C-alpha atoms as a PDB file:
ATOM      1  CA  UNK A   1      30.571  50.765-106.803  1.00  0.00           C
ATOM      2  CA  UNK A   2      29.506  51.115-103.147  1.00  0.00           C
ATOM      3  CA  UNK A   3      32.626  49.199-102.034  1.00  0.00           C
ATOM      4  CA  UNK A   4      34.850  51.456-104.145  1.00  0.00           C
ATOM      5  CA  UNK A   5      33.214  54.550-102.628  1.00  0.00           C
ATOM      6  CA  UNK A   6      33.716  53.121 -99.104  1.00  0.00           C
ATOM      7  CA  UNK A   7      37.366  52.349 -99.854  1.00  0.00           C
ATOM      8  CA  UNK A   8      37.973  55.850-101.227  1.00  0.00           C
ATOM      9  CA  UNK A   9      36.243  57.401 -98.196  1.00  0.00           C
ATOM     10  CA  UNK A  10      38.355  55.273 -95.838  1.00  0.00           C
ATOM     11  CA  UNK A  11      41.604  56.150 -97.621  1.00  0.00           C
ATOM     12  CA  UNK A  12      40.714  59.843 -97.598  1.00  0.00           C
ATOM     13  CA  UNK A  13      40.041  59.785 -93.861  1.00  0.00           C
ATOM     14  CA  UNK A  14      43.279  57.883 -93.242  1.00  0.00           C
ATOM     15  CA  UNK A  15      45.243  60.430 -95.297  1.00  0.00           C
ATOM     16  CA  UNK A  16      43.667  63.278 -93.341  1.00  0.00           C
ATOM     17  CA  UNK A  17      44.584  61.610 -90.045  1.00  0.00           C
ATOM     18  CA  UNK A  18      48.185  61.097 -91.176  1.00  0.00           C
ATOM     19  CA  UNK A  19      48.359  64.702 -92.378  1.00  0.00           C
ATOM     20  CA  UNK A  20      47.125  65.950 -89.011  1.00  0.00           C
ATOM     21  CA  UNK A  21      49.512  63.692 -87.141  1.00  0.00           C
ATOM     22  CA  UNK A  22      52.496  65.205 -88.936  1.00  0.00           C
ATOM     23  CA  UNK A  23      51.755  68.536 -87.194  1.00  0.00           C
ATOM     24  CA  UNK A  24      52.780  66.931 -83.887  1.00  0.00           C
ATOM     25  CA  UNK A  25      56.397  67.488 -82.886  1.00  0.00           C
ATOM     26  CA  UNK A  26      58.014  64.386 -81.482  1.00  0.00           C
ATOM     27  CA  UNK A  27      61.590  63.436 -80.681  1.00  0.00           C
ATOM     28  CA  UNK A  28      64.130  62.398 -83.285  1.00  0.00           C
ATOM     29  CA  UNK A  29      64.149  59.025 -81.516  1.00  0.00           C
ATOM     30  CA  UNK A  30      60.342  58.778 -81.318  1.00  0.00           C
ATOM     31  CA  UNK A  31      57.879  59.272 -78.502  1.00  0.00           C
ATOM     32  CA  UNK A  32      58.589  58.540 -74.844  1.00  0.00           C
ATOM     33  CA  UNK A  33      57.320  55.200 -73.611  1.00  0.00           C
ATOM     34  CA  UNK A  34      55.555  54.656 -70.269  1.00  0.00           C
ATOM     35  CA  UNK A  35      57.947  53.287 -67.636  1.00  0.00           C
ATOM     36  CA  UNK A  36      56.887  50.041 -65.961  1.00  0.00           C
ATOM     37  CA  UNK A  37      60.338  48.913 -64.770  1.00  0.00           C
ATOM     38  CA  UNK A  38      60.894  50.910 -61.566  1.00  0.00           C
ATOM     39  CA  UNK A  39      62.943  48.673 -59.256  1.00  0.00           C
ATOM     40  CA  UNK A  40      60.785  49.286 -56.177  1.00  0.00           C
ATOM     41  CA  UNK A  41      57.362  50.919 -56.110  1.00  0.00           C
ATOM     42  CA  UNK A  42      57.470  53.523 -53.350  1.00  0.00           C
ATOM     43  CA  UNK A  43      61.180  54.320 -53.690  1.00  0.00           C
ATOM     44  CA  UNK A  44      61.390  58.012 -52.839  1.00  0.00           C
ATOM     45  CA  UNK A  45      63.698  60.816 -53.986  1.00  0.00           C
ATOM     46  CA  UNK A  46      63.502  64.410 -52.742  1.00  0.00           C
ATOM     47  CA  UNK A  47      64.880  67.711 -54.037  1.00  0.00           C
ATOM     48  CA  UNK A  48      65.060  70.145 -51.105  1.00  0.00           C
ATOM     49  CA  UNK A  49      64.948  73.876 -51.860  1.00  0.00           C
ATOM     50  CA  UNK A  50      66.294  76.334 -49.299  1.00  0.00           C
ATOM     51  CA  UNK A  51      67.144  79.482 -51.244  1.00  0.00           C
ATOM     52  CA  UNK A  52      66.047  83.097 -50.953  1.00  0.00           C
ATOM     53  CA  UNK A  53      63.625  82.490 -53.829  1.00  0.00           C
ATOM     54  CA  UNK A  54      62.189  79.042 -53.071  1.00  0.00           C
ATOM     55  CA  UNK A  55      61.790  76.882 -49.986  1.00  0.00           C
ATOM     56  CA  UNK A  56      60.250  73.437 -49.896  1.00  0.00           C
ATOM     57  CA  UNK A  57      60.491  70.137 -51.706  1.00  0.00           C
ATOM     58  CA  UNK A  58      59.820  68.289 -54.902  1.00  0.00           C
ATOM     59  CA  UNK A  59      59.244  64.627 -54.073  1.00  0.00           C
ATOM     60  CA  UNK A  60      59.431  61.841 -56.659  1.00  0.00           C
ATOM     61  CA  UNK A  61      58.029  58.408 -55.758  1.00  0.00           C
ATOM     62  CA  UNK A  62      58.363  55.345 -57.988  1.00  0.00           C
ATOM     63  CA  UNK A  63      54.956  54.106 -59.137  1.00  0.00           C
ATOM     64  CA  UNK A  64      53.858  51.039 -61.072  1.00  0.00           C
ATOM     65  CA  UNK A  65      53.837  53.324 -64.104  1.00  0.00           C
ATOM     66  CA  UNK A  66      56.277  56.222 -64.031  1.00  0.00           C
ATOM     67  CA  UNK A  67      56.797  58.532 -61.087  1.00  0.00           C
ATOM     68  CA  UNK A  68      54.382  60.329 -58.748  1.00  0.00           C
ATOM     69  CA  UNK A  69      55.526  63.907 -58.108  1.00  0.00           C
ATOM     70  CA  UNK A  70      54.560  66.255 -55.302  1.00  0.00           C
ATOM     71  CA  UNK A  71      55.655  69.883 -55.530  1.00  0.00           C
ATOM     72  CA  UNK A  72      55.358  71.651 -52.178  1.00  0.00           C
ATOM     73  CA  UNK A  73      57.166  75.007 -52.280  1.00  0.00           C
ATOM     74  CA  UNK A  74      56.821  78.581 -51.096  1.00  0.00           C
ATOM     75  CA  UNK A  75      58.458  81.803 -52.186  1.00  0.00           C
ATOM     76  CA  UNK A  76      57.609  81.921 -55.883  1.00  0.00           C
ATOM     77  CA  UNK A  77      56.777  85.621 -56.260  1.00  0.00           C
ATOM     78  CA  UNK A  78      53.465  85.852 -58.092  1.00  0.00           C
ATOM     79  CA  UNK A  79      54.561  88.961 -60.019  1.00  0.00           C
ATOM     80  CA  UNK A  80      57.475  87.015 -61.578  1.00  0.00           C
ATOM     81  CA  UNK A  81      55.442  84.051 -62.825  1.00  0.00           C
ATOM     82  CA  UNK A  82      54.174  81.956 -64.293  1.00  0.00           C
ATOM     83  CA  UNK A  83      56.911  79.471 -63.426  1.00  0.00           C
ATOM     84  CA  UNK A  84      58.252  76.527 -65.371  1.00  0.00           C
ATOM     85  CA  UNK A  85      59.795  73.493 -63.682  1.00  0.00           C
ATOM     86  CA  UNK A  86      61.965  70.850 -65.287  1.00  0.00           C
ATOM     87  CA  UNK A  87      64.261  67.925 -64.613  1.00  0.00           C
ATOM     88  CA  UNK A  88      67.730  68.880 -65.888  1.00  0.00           C
ATOM     89  CA  UNK A  89      70.440  66.416 -66.908  1.00  0.00           C
ATOM     90  CA  UNK A  90      73.025  67.323 -64.281  1.00  0.00           C
ATOM     91  CA  UNK A  91      72.891  67.709 -60.519  1.00  0.00           C
ATOM     92  CA  UNK A  92      73.395  71.102 -58.909  1.00  0.00           C
ATOM     93  CA  UNK A  93      77.169  71.654 -58.674  1.00  0.00           C
ATOM     94  CA  UNK A  94      78.940  72.622 -55.435  1.00  0.00           C
ATOM     95  CA  UNK A  95      78.842  76.252 -56.572  1.00  0.00           C
ATOM     96  CA  UNK A  96      75.038  76.113 -56.437  1.00  0.00           C
ATOM     97  CA  UNK A  97      74.787  77.530 -59.972  1.00  0.00           C
ATOM     98  CA  UNK A  98      71.498  76.564 -61.586  1.00  0.00           C
ATOM     99  CA  UNK A  99      73.022  77.580 -64.938  1.00  0.00           C
ATOM    100  CA  UNK A 100      75.384  74.606 -64.618  1.00  0.00           C
ATOM    101  CA  UNK A 101      72.670  71.923 -64.423  1.00  0.00           C
ATOM    102  CA  UNK A 102      72.668  71.440 -68.198  1.00  0.00           C
ATOM    103  CA  UNK A 103      69.574  71.246 -70.365  1.00  0.00           C
ATOM    104  CA  UNK A 104      66.280  69.459 -69.849  1.00  0.00           C
ATOM    105  CA  UNK A 105      66.276  65.677 -69.621  1.00  0.00           C
ATOM    106  CA  UNK A 106      65.538  64.902 -73.279  1.00  0.00           C
ATOM    107  CA  UNK A 107      66.567  61.330 -74.179  1.00  0.00           C
ATOM    108  CA  UNK A 108      64.286  61.227 -77.239  1.00  0.00           C
ATOM    109  CA  UNK A 109      65.856  64.421 -78.672  1.00  0.00           C
ATOM    110  CA  UNK A 110      62.607  66.355 -78.899  1.00  0.00           C
ATOM    111  CA  UNK A 111      63.960  69.799 -77.831  1.00  0.00           C
ATOM    112  CA  UNK A 112      61.744  72.511 -76.367  1.00  0.00           C
ATOM    113  CA  UNK A 113      60.731  74.298 -79.572  1.00  0.00           C
ATOM    114  CA  UNK A 114      57.903  74.358 -80.472  1.00  0.00           C
ATOM    115  CA  UNK A 115      56.445  74.214 -76.953  1.00  0.00           C
ATOM    116  CA  UNK A 116      55.276  70.887 -75.581  1.00  0.00           C
ATOM    117  CA  UNK A 117      51.651  69.908 -76.286  1.00  0.00           C
ATOM    118  CA  UNK A 118      50.244  68.919 -72.882  1.00  0.00           C
ATOM    119  CA  UNK A 119      47.547  66.720 -74.427  1.00  0.00           C
ATOM    120  CA  UNK A 120      50.320  64.561 -75.922  1.00  0.00           C
ATOM    121  CA  UNK A 121      52.809  64.201 -73.032  1.00  0.00           C
ATOM    122  CA  UNK A 122      54.607  61.292 -74.710  1.00  0.00           C
ATOM    123  CA  UNK A 123      55.814  63.742 -77.386  1.00  0.00           C
ATOM    124  CA  UNK A 124      57.367  66.152 -74.857  1.00  0.00           C
ATOM    125  CA  UNK A 125      60.851  66.188 -73.375  1.00  0.00           C
ATOM    126  CA  UNK A 126      60.860  63.767 -70.451  1.00  0.00           C
ATOM    127  CA  UNK A 127      62.132  66.556 -68.192  1.00  0.00           C
ATOM    128  CA  UNK A 128      59.585  69.184 -69.300  1.00  0.00           C
ATOM    129  CA  UNK A 129      57.224  68.680 -66.382  1.00  0.00           C
ATOM    130  CA  UNK A 130      55.576  72.120 -66.618  1.00  0.00           C
ATOM    131  CA  UNK A 131      54.968  71.643 -70.344  1.00  0.00           C
ATOM    132  CA  UNK A 132      53.115  68.418 -69.599  1.00  0.00           C
ATOM    133  CA  UNK A 133      51.361  69.334 -66.324  1.00  0.00           C
ATOM    134  CA  UNK A 134      50.991  73.112 -66.309  1.00  0.00           C
ATOM    135  CA  UNK A 135      52.817  76.240 -65.186  1.00  0.00           C
ATOM    136  CA  UNK A 136      52.859  77.415 -61.568  1.00  0.00           C
ATOM    137  CA  UNK A 137      51.390  80.837 -60.762  1.00  0.00           C
ATOM    138  CA  UNK A 138      53.504  81.440 -57.682  1.00  0.00           C
ATOM    139  CA  UNK A 139      52.885  81.947 -53.996  1.00  0.00           C
ATOM    140  CA  UNK A 140      52.545  78.801 -51.928  1.00  0.00           C
ATOM    141  CA  UNK A 141      52.362  75.911 -54.376  1.00  0.00           C
ATOM    142  CA  UNK A 142      51.228  72.350 -53.872  1.00  0.00           C
ATOM    143  CA  UNK A 143      50.851  70.245 -57.003  1.00  0.00           C
ATOM    144  CA  UNK A 144      50.567  66.468 -57.363  1.00  0.00           C
ATOM    145  CA  UNK A 145      50.760  64.519 -60.623  1.00  0.00           C
ATOM    146  CA  UNK A 146      52.016  61.295 -62.188  1.00  0.00           C
ATOM    147  CA  UNK A 147      54.465  61.372 -65.066  1.00  0.00           C
ATOM    148  CA  UNK A 148      54.403  58.025 -66.871  1.00  0.00           C
ATOM    149  CA  UNK A 149      57.676  58.816 -68.683  1.00  0.00           C
ATOM    150  CA  UNK A 150      59.956  59.544 -65.696  1.00  0.00           C
ATOM    151  CA  UNK A 151      61.859  56.641 -64.193  1.00  0.00           C
ATOM    152  CA  UNK A 152      63.674  55.689 -61.017  1.00  0.00           C
ATOM    153  CA  UNK A 153      65.296  52.737 -62.796  1.00  0.00           C
ATOM    154  CA  UNK A 154      68.911  53.702 -63.533  1.00  0.00           C
ATOM    155  CA  UNK A 155      68.881  51.648 -66.759  1.00  0.00           C
ATOM    156  CA  UNK A 156      66.004  53.659 -68.280  1.00  0.00           C
ATOM    157  CA  UNK A 157      66.587  56.740 -70.463  1.00  0.00           C
ATOM    158  CA  UNK A 158      64.080  58.741 -68.394  1.00  0.00           C
ATOM    159  CA  UNK A 159      65.997  58.160 -65.139  1.00  0.00           C
ATOM    160  CA  UNK A 160      65.698  61.186 -62.837  1.00  0.00           C
ATOM    161  CA  UNK A 161      67.741  60.096 -59.802  1.00  0.00           C
ATOM    162  CA  UNK A 162      70.567  62.497 -58.926  1.00  0.00           C
ATOM    163  CA  UNK A 163      69.402  65.074 -61.472  1.00  0.00           C
ATOM    164  CA  UNK A 164      68.383  68.675 -60.744  1.00  0.00           C
ATOM    165  CA  UNK A 165      64.873  70.070 -60.495  1.00  0.00           C
ATOM    166  CA  UNK A 166      64.950  73.655 -61.767  1.00  0.00           C
ATOM    167  CA  UNK A 167      62.378  76.451 -61.456  1.00  0.00           C
ATOM    168  CA  UNK A 168      62.366  79.241 -64.057  1.00  0.00           C
ATOM    169  CA  UNK A 169      60.492  82.528 -63.702  1.00  0.00           C
ATOM    170  CA  UNK A 170      58.382  84.174 -66.395  1.00  0.00           C
ATOM    171  CA  UNK A 171      61.492  85.662 -68.049  1.00  0.00           C
ATOM    172  CA  UNK A 172      63.098  82.214 -68.326  1.00  0.00           C
ATOM    173  CA  UNK A 173      65.716  82.872 -65.624  1.00  0.00           C
ATOM    174  CA  UNK A 174      66.658  79.828 -63.547  1.00  0.00           C
ATOM    175  CA  UNK A 175      65.781  81.057 -60.061  1.00  0.00           C
ATOM    176  CA  UNK A 176      66.081  77.907 -57.934  1.00  0.00           C
ATOM    177  CA  UNK A 177      67.445  74.391 -58.259  1.00  0.00           C
ATOM    178  CA  UNK A 178      67.987  71.321 -56.110  1.00  0.00           C
ATOM    179  CA  UNK A 179      69.215  67.791 -56.748  1.00  0.00           C
ATOM    180  CA  UNK A 180      66.947  64.766 -56.335  1.00  0.00           C
ATOM    181  CA  UNK A 181      68.446  62.618 -53.551  1.00  0.00           C
ATOM    182  CA  UNK A 182      67.233  59.152 -52.596  1.00  0.00           C
ATOM    183  CA  UNK A 183      65.536  59.358 -49.185  1.00  0.00           C
ATOM    184  CA  UNK A 184      67.678  56.641 -47.550  1.00  0.00           C
ATOM    185  CA  UNK A 185      70.805  58.386 -48.919  1.00  0.00           C
ATOM    186  CA  UNK A 186      69.621  61.732 -47.544  1.00  0.00           C
ATOM    187  CA  UNK A 187      69.292  60.207 -44.051  1.00  0.00           C
ATOM    188  CA  UNK A 188      72.903  58.980 -44.174  1.00  0.00           C
ATOM    189  CA  UNK A 189      74.359  62.462 -44.828  1.00  0.00           C
END
């Protein structure tokens, strides 16, 4: 009888855990997987912002797992925040239109509704950096973090090279964007 009670208790707890897990929104193609296939640890890409709204850089450096990001920008008006920041699927076009950078990098088809749960970053859109690592208040911003799901390996679905980094103000307007350029490529231009 004790074994039966233990089995029933175990099955009840397992059912509860499964029921709670179904409240988590994940992509149609599953959760993002940590990237361990970057071609060269230390490879560096930079998005350079030089607009009326934002000046500075977002630097992406290949790590053993994912990508290390450094956001170092000024000009985000505090009264228009908090600010979101994402990797978008397309580079900034010649026109400079941030509206033409496409949607967020979302290879697992998660979408941005409901909002990303920061405690479960693998369930978020790969490009939803602010959903995973927090909004920016504005002013002079310096933020450093590692995203295990971004990649600088062109064969990976979370590849960020040549894509746009976009800042959105509190209203959701895309106020600044810049394309991630490989550092050695940037020196050749």
